[in-house]
Amino acid sequence: MKKILMLSLLILFVAIPAKAFLYEVEVLSQEEVIKLSNAELLDLYTQASIERRASEAFHHGAGFQPRDYRQYRELLGFIVRLRQEIDYRHLETTAVDVELGMSARAADYLIK
C-alpha cells in the first residue's frame, strides 16, 4: 500500500509542473478579438497555432521535459515566421521540403 501511495505522489509531482507551463497563450473573448488590430490578430493567430502544435507534440511525445517543450515551441514559431516570409516573397522551398521528406501540405500545416 505504501508503494502505491509513493508512486501516486511521484506521478503527481511530475505532472504538476507540466500542467503549469502548458497553454501560454491567453484565450480572448469574441469582443476582445474584434478589437484587435490586423497585426495583433495575425500575431495572436500565429502564437495560438504554435501553441496548439507544440502542445500536440508534447502530449504525444513521451519524455518531453518543460525545457524541451519550450525549445520545440520556439522552433515551430521560427518555422512559421520563415514560411510566412517565404510565401510573401513567393519563393519556393520544394527542394528542401523534398530532401527533408516534408510535403508542401505538411509545411502548410505548420502555419494553420
N, C-alpha and C. Protein backbone atom coordinates (compact mmCIF):
# COMPACT_ATOMS: atom_id res chain seq x y z
N MET A 1 0.82 -1.19 0.00
CA MET A 1 0.00 0.00 0.00
C MET A 1 0.87 1.26 0.00
N LYS A 2 1.96 1.24 0.77
CA LYS A 2 2.86 2.39 0.82
C LYS A 2 3.48 2.64 -0.55
N LYS A 3 3.82 1.56 -1.25
CA LYS A 3 4.44 1.71 -2.57
C LYS A 3 3.48 2.39 -3.54
N ILE A 4 2.23 2.01 -3.48
CA ILE A 4 1.24 2.61 -4.37
C ILE A 4 1.07 4.09 -4.06
N LEU A 5 1.01 4.42 -2.78
CA LEU A 5 0.88 5.81 -2.37
C LEU A 5 2.10 6.63 -2.81
N MET A 6 3.28 6.09 -2.61
CA MET A 6 4.50 6.80 -3.00
C MET A 6 4.56 6.99 -4.52
N LEU A 7 4.19 5.96 -5.26
CA LEU A 7 4.18 6.06 -6.71
C LEU A 7 3.17 7.11 -7.18
N SER A 8 2.01 7.13 -6.55
CA SER A 8 0.99 8.13 -6.89
C SER A 8 1.48 9.55 -6.63
N LEU A 9 2.14 9.75 -5.51
CA LEU A 9 2.68 11.07 -5.18
C LEU A 9 3.77 11.48 -6.16
N LEU A 10 4.61 10.54 -6.54
CA LEU A 10 5.67 10.82 -7.51
C LEU A 10 5.08 11.26 -8.84
N ILE A 11 4.08 10.55 -9.30
CA ILE A 11 3.42 10.90 -10.56
C ILE A 11 2.78 12.28 -10.46
N LEU A 12 2.17 12.57 -9.33
CA LEU A 12 1.55 13.87 -9.12
C LEU A 12 2.58 15.00 -9.20
N PHE A 13 3.72 14.81 -8.56
CA PHE A 13 4.75 15.85 -8.57
C PHE A 13 5.36 16.05 -9.95
N VAL A 14 5.38 15.01 -10.76
CA VAL A 14 5.89 15.13 -12.12
C VAL A 14 4.85 15.82 -13.01
N ALA A 15 3.58 15.53 -12.80
CA ALA A 15 2.52 16.07 -13.65
C ALA A 15 2.24 17.54 -13.37
N ILE A 16 2.36 17.99 -12.15
CA ILE A 16 2.02 19.38 -11.80
C ILE A 16 2.88 20.39 -12.55
N PRO A 17 4.21 20.25 -12.61
CA PRO A 17 4.99 21.24 -13.36
C PRO A 17 4.65 21.26 -14.84
N ALA A 18 4.35 20.11 -15.43
CA ALA A 18 3.99 20.07 -16.85
C ALA A 18 2.70 20.85 -17.08
N LYS A 19 1.74 20.70 -16.22
CA LYS A 19 0.47 21.41 -16.37
C LYS A 19 0.65 22.91 -16.19
N ALA A 20 1.59 23.30 -15.36
CA ALA A 20 1.77 24.71 -15.04
C ALA A 20 2.22 25.54 -16.24
N PHE A 21 2.99 24.96 -17.16
CA PHE A 21 3.51 25.78 -18.25
C PHE A 21 2.76 25.59 -19.56
N LEU A 22 1.84 24.66 -19.62
CA LEU A 22 1.11 24.45 -20.86
C LEU A 22 0.14 25.59 -21.12
N TYR A 23 -0.14 25.83 -22.37
CA TYR A 23 -1.08 26.83 -22.82
C TYR A 23 -0.72 28.22 -22.32
N GLU A 24 0.36 28.72 -22.89
CA GLU A 24 0.88 30.03 -22.52
C GLU A 24 0.18 31.17 -23.25
N VAL A 25 -0.69 30.86 -24.19
CA VAL A 25 -1.42 31.88 -24.93
C VAL A 25 -2.73 32.16 -24.20
N GLU A 26 -2.98 33.44 -23.95
CA GLU A 26 -4.23 33.82 -23.28
C GLU A 26 -5.39 33.74 -24.28
N VAL A 27 -6.44 33.07 -23.90
CA VAL A 27 -7.62 32.94 -24.74
C VAL A 27 -8.51 34.15 -24.51
N LEU A 28 -8.82 34.85 -25.59
CA LEU A 28 -9.61 36.08 -25.51
C LEU A 28 -11.07 35.81 -25.84
N SER A 29 -11.94 36.69 -25.36
CA SER A 29 -13.36 36.60 -25.70
C SER A 29 -13.57 37.11 -27.12
N GLN A 30 -14.76 36.87 -27.66
CA GLN A 30 -15.07 37.34 -29.01
C GLN A 30 -14.97 38.86 -29.10
N GLU A 31 -15.42 39.56 -28.08
CA GLU A 31 -15.36 41.02 -28.07
C GLU A 31 -13.90 41.51 -28.09
N GLU A 32 -13.04 40.84 -27.33
CA GLU A 32 -11.63 41.22 -27.31
C GLU A 32 -10.96 40.95 -28.65
N VAL A 33 -11.35 39.86 -29.30
CA VAL A 33 -10.78 39.51 -30.60
C VAL A 33 -11.17 40.56 -31.64
N ILE A 34 -12.41 41.00 -31.60
CA ILE A 34 -12.89 42.00 -32.56
C ILE A 34 -12.10 43.30 -32.45
N LYS A 35 -11.67 43.66 -31.26
CA LYS A 35 -10.95 44.92 -31.01
C LYS A 35 -9.49 44.88 -31.45
N LEU A 36 -8.95 43.71 -31.79
CA LEU A 36 -7.53 43.60 -32.16
C LEU A 36 -7.27 44.24 -33.51
N SER A 37 -6.09 44.84 -33.66
CA SER A 37 -5.67 45.34 -34.97
C SER A 37 -5.33 44.14 -35.85
N ASN A 38 -5.18 44.38 -37.14
CA ASN A 38 -4.82 43.29 -38.05
C ASN A 38 -3.52 42.63 -37.63
N ALA A 39 -2.53 43.44 -37.28
CA ALA A 39 -1.22 42.90 -36.88
C ALA A 39 -1.34 42.08 -35.60
N GLU A 40 -2.11 42.59 -34.64
CA GLU A 40 -2.30 41.85 -33.38
C GLU A 40 -3.05 40.55 -33.63
N LEU A 41 -4.04 40.60 -34.50
CA LEU A 41 -4.83 39.41 -34.82
C LEU A 41 -3.96 38.33 -35.45
N LEU A 42 -3.15 38.73 -36.44
CA LEU A 42 -2.27 37.76 -37.10
C LEU A 42 -1.23 37.20 -36.14
N ASP A 43 -0.67 38.06 -35.29
CA ASP A 43 0.32 37.60 -34.33
C ASP A 43 -0.29 36.63 -33.33
N LEU A 44 -1.47 36.94 -32.84
CA LEU A 44 -2.12 36.06 -31.87
C LEU A 44 -2.50 34.74 -32.52
N TYR A 45 -2.96 34.80 -33.78
CA TYR A 45 -3.28 33.56 -34.50
C TYR A 45 -2.04 32.69 -34.65
N THR A 46 -0.93 33.31 -34.99
CA THR A 46 0.33 32.57 -35.12
C THR A 46 0.72 31.93 -33.80
N GLN A 47 0.65 32.70 -32.72
CA GLN A 47 1.03 32.17 -31.41
C GLN A 47 0.10 31.03 -30.98
N ALA A 48 -1.19 31.18 -31.22
CA ALA A 48 -2.14 30.13 -30.85
C ALA A 48 -1.91 28.87 -31.67
N SER A 49 -1.60 29.03 -32.95
CA SER A 49 -1.32 27.87 -33.81
C SER A 49 -0.06 27.15 -33.35
N ILE A 50 0.94 27.92 -32.99
CA ILE A 50 2.19 27.34 -32.49
C ILE A 50 1.92 26.61 -31.18
N GLU A 51 1.15 27.21 -30.33
CA GLU A 51 0.81 26.61 -29.04
C GLU A 51 0.11 25.27 -29.25
N ARG A 52 -0.85 25.26 -30.18
CA ARG A 52 -1.59 24.03 -30.45
C ARG A 52 -0.66 22.93 -30.94
N ARG A 53 0.18 23.26 -31.90
CA ARG A 53 1.08 22.26 -32.48
C ARG A 53 2.09 21.77 -31.45
N ALA A 54 2.65 22.67 -30.66
CA ALA A 54 3.62 22.28 -29.64
C ALA A 54 2.96 21.44 -28.56
N SER A 55 1.74 21.78 -28.22
CA SER A 55 1.01 21.01 -27.21
C SER A 55 0.74 19.60 -27.70
N GLU A 56 0.35 19.47 -28.98
CA GLU A 56 0.13 18.14 -29.55
C GLU A 56 1.40 17.31 -29.48
N ALA A 57 2.51 17.91 -29.85
CA ALA A 57 3.78 17.19 -29.81
C ALA A 57 4.15 16.82 -28.38
N PHE A 58 3.88 17.72 -27.45
CA PHE A 58 4.19 17.46 -26.04
C PHE A 58 3.37 16.29 -25.52
N HIS A 59 2.09 16.29 -25.82
CA HIS A 59 1.22 15.23 -25.30
C HIS A 59 1.50 13.89 -25.96
N HIS A 60 1.95 13.89 -27.23
CA HIS A 60 2.21 12.64 -27.93
C HIS A 60 3.64 12.17 -27.76
N GLY A 61 4.53 13.03 -27.32
CA GLY A 61 5.94 12.68 -27.22
C GLY A 61 6.33 12.32 -25.80
N ALA A 62 6.43 11.06 -25.54
CA ALA A 62 6.83 10.63 -24.20
C ALA A 62 8.23 11.14 -23.90
N GLY A 63 8.43 11.59 -22.69
CA GLY A 63 9.75 12.03 -22.28
C GLY A 63 10.02 13.50 -22.51
N PHE A 64 9.08 14.24 -23.07
CA PHE A 64 9.27 15.68 -23.24
C PHE A 64 9.39 16.34 -21.88
N GLN A 65 10.40 17.13 -21.70
CA GLN A 65 10.59 17.91 -20.48
C GLN A 65 10.13 19.34 -20.77
N PRO A 66 9.80 20.13 -19.73
CA PRO A 66 9.36 21.51 -19.97
C PRO A 66 10.34 22.32 -20.82
N ARG A 67 11.63 22.17 -20.60
CA ARG A 67 12.63 22.90 -21.39
C ARG A 67 12.56 22.46 -22.85
N ASP A 68 12.41 21.16 -23.08
CA ASP A 68 12.31 20.63 -24.44
C ASP A 68 11.07 21.18 -25.13
N TYR A 69 9.97 21.23 -24.39
CA TYR A 69 8.72 21.74 -24.93
C TYR A 69 8.89 23.19 -25.39
N ARG A 70 9.47 24.01 -24.55
CA ARG A 70 9.66 25.43 -24.89
C ARG A 70 10.57 25.59 -26.11
N GLN A 71 11.64 24.81 -26.17
CA GLN A 71 12.55 24.90 -27.31
C GLN A 71 11.83 24.47 -28.59
N TYR A 72 11.05 23.40 -28.51
CA TYR A 72 10.32 22.92 -29.68
C TYR A 72 9.28 23.96 -30.12
N ARG A 73 8.61 24.56 -29.16
CA ARG A 73 7.62 25.58 -29.44
C ARG A 73 8.28 26.79 -30.12
N GLU A 74 9.43 27.20 -29.64
CA GLU A 74 10.15 28.31 -30.27
C GLU A 74 10.56 27.96 -31.69
N LEU A 75 10.99 26.74 -31.91
CA LEU A 75 11.37 26.31 -33.25
C LEU A 75 10.16 26.34 -34.19
N LEU A 76 9.02 25.85 -33.73
CA LEU A 76 7.81 25.90 -34.55
C LEU A 76 7.47 27.35 -34.91
N GLY A 77 7.60 28.25 -33.95
CA GLY A 77 7.34 29.66 -34.21
C GLY A 77 8.27 30.23 -35.26
N PHE A 78 9.52 29.87 -35.17
CA PHE A 78 10.51 30.33 -36.13
C PHE A 78 10.18 29.81 -37.53
N ILE A 79 9.80 28.54 -37.61
CA ILE A 79 9.44 27.95 -38.90
C ILE A 79 8.22 28.66 -39.49
N VAL A 80 7.24 28.94 -38.67
CA VAL A 80 6.05 29.64 -39.15
C VAL A 80 6.42 31.01 -39.70
N ARG A 81 7.23 31.76 -38.97
CA ARG A 81 7.64 33.09 -39.44
C ARG A 81 8.42 33.00 -40.75
N LEU A 82 9.29 32.01 -40.85
CA LEU A 82 10.04 31.82 -42.09
C LEU A 82 9.11 31.48 -43.25
N ARG A 83 8.17 30.56 -43.01
CA ARG A 83 7.23 30.17 -44.07
C ARG A 83 6.38 31.37 -44.51
N GLN A 84 5.97 32.19 -43.57
CA GLN A 84 5.17 33.36 -43.92
C GLN A 84 5.97 34.31 -44.81
N GLU A 85 7.22 34.54 -44.47
CA GLU A 85 8.06 35.43 -45.27
C GLU A 85 8.36 34.81 -46.63
N ILE A 86 8.59 33.51 -46.66
CA ILE A 86 8.83 32.82 -47.93
C ILE A 86 7.60 32.93 -48.83
N ASP A 87 6.42 32.71 -48.27
CA ASP A 87 5.19 32.84 -49.05
C ASP A 87 4.99 34.27 -49.53
N TYR A 88 5.29 35.23 -48.67
CA TYR A 88 5.14 36.64 -49.02
C TYR A 88 6.02 37.01 -50.21
N ARG A 89 7.22 36.46 -50.22
CA ARG A 89 8.17 36.75 -51.31
C ARG A 89 7.99 35.81 -52.50
N HIS A 90 7.04 34.92 -52.43
CA HIS A 90 6.75 33.95 -53.49
C HIS A 90 7.97 33.10 -53.84
N LEU A 91 8.68 32.64 -52.82
CA LEU A 91 9.85 31.78 -53.01
C LEU A 91 9.43 30.32 -52.89
N GLU A 92 10.23 29.44 -53.45
CA GLU A 92 9.94 28.00 -53.39
C GLU A 92 10.91 27.31 -52.44
N THR A 93 10.41 26.35 -51.71
CA THR A 93 11.25 25.55 -50.81
C THR A 93 11.13 24.07 -51.13
N THR A 94 10.70 23.76 -52.34
CA THR A 94 10.42 22.39 -52.72
C THR A 94 11.62 21.47 -52.51
N ALA A 95 12.82 21.87 -52.92
CA ALA A 95 13.99 21.01 -52.79
C ALA A 95 14.28 20.68 -51.33
N VAL A 96 14.18 21.67 -50.48
CA VAL A 96 14.43 21.44 -49.05
C VAL A 96 13.35 20.55 -48.47
N ASP A 97 12.10 20.83 -48.81
CA ASP A 97 10.99 20.04 -48.29
C ASP A 97 11.10 18.59 -48.73
N VAL A 98 11.47 18.37 -50.01
CA VAL A 98 11.63 17.00 -50.51
C VAL A 98 12.79 16.31 -49.81
N GLU A 99 13.89 17.01 -49.66
CA GLU A 99 15.07 16.43 -49.00
C GLU A 99 14.76 16.02 -47.57
N LEU A 100 13.99 16.81 -46.89
CA LEU A 100 13.64 16.52 -45.50
C LEU A 100 12.42 15.61 -45.39
N GLY A 101 11.84 15.26 -46.53
CA GLY A 101 10.67 14.39 -46.50
C GLY A 101 9.42 15.11 -46.03
N MET A 102 9.37 16.40 -46.27
CA MET A 102 8.24 17.19 -45.81
C MET A 102 7.51 17.74 -47.02
N SER A 103 6.27 17.35 -47.18
CA SER A 103 5.50 17.83 -48.32
C SER A 103 5.07 19.27 -48.10
N ALA A 104 4.67 19.91 -49.16
CA ALA A 104 4.17 21.28 -49.03
C ALA A 104 2.94 21.31 -48.13
N ARG A 105 2.13 20.26 -48.20
CA ARG A 105 0.95 20.18 -47.34
C ARG A 105 1.35 20.13 -45.87
N ALA A 106 2.40 19.37 -45.55
CA ALA A 106 2.87 19.29 -44.16
C ALA A 106 3.43 20.63 -43.71
N ALA A 107 4.14 21.31 -44.60
CA ALA A 107 4.67 22.63 -44.26
C ALA A 107 3.53 23.61 -44.03
N ASP A 108 2.50 23.54 -44.87
CA ASP A 108 1.35 24.42 -44.69
C ASP A 108 0.64 24.14 -43.38
N TYR A 109 0.65 22.90 -42.92
CA TYR A 109 0.00 22.55 -41.65
C TYR A 109 0.61 23.33 -40.49
N LEU A 110 1.89 23.62 -40.59
CA LEU A 110 2.56 24.35 -39.51
C LEU A 110 2.04 25.78 -39.38
N ILE A 111 1.52 26.33 -40.45
CA ILE A 111 1.06 27.72 -40.37
C ILE A 111 -0.46 27.81 -40.30
N LYS A 112 -1.13 26.69 -40.11
CA LYS A 112 -2.60 26.72 -39.96
C LYS A 112 -2.97 26.42 -38.54
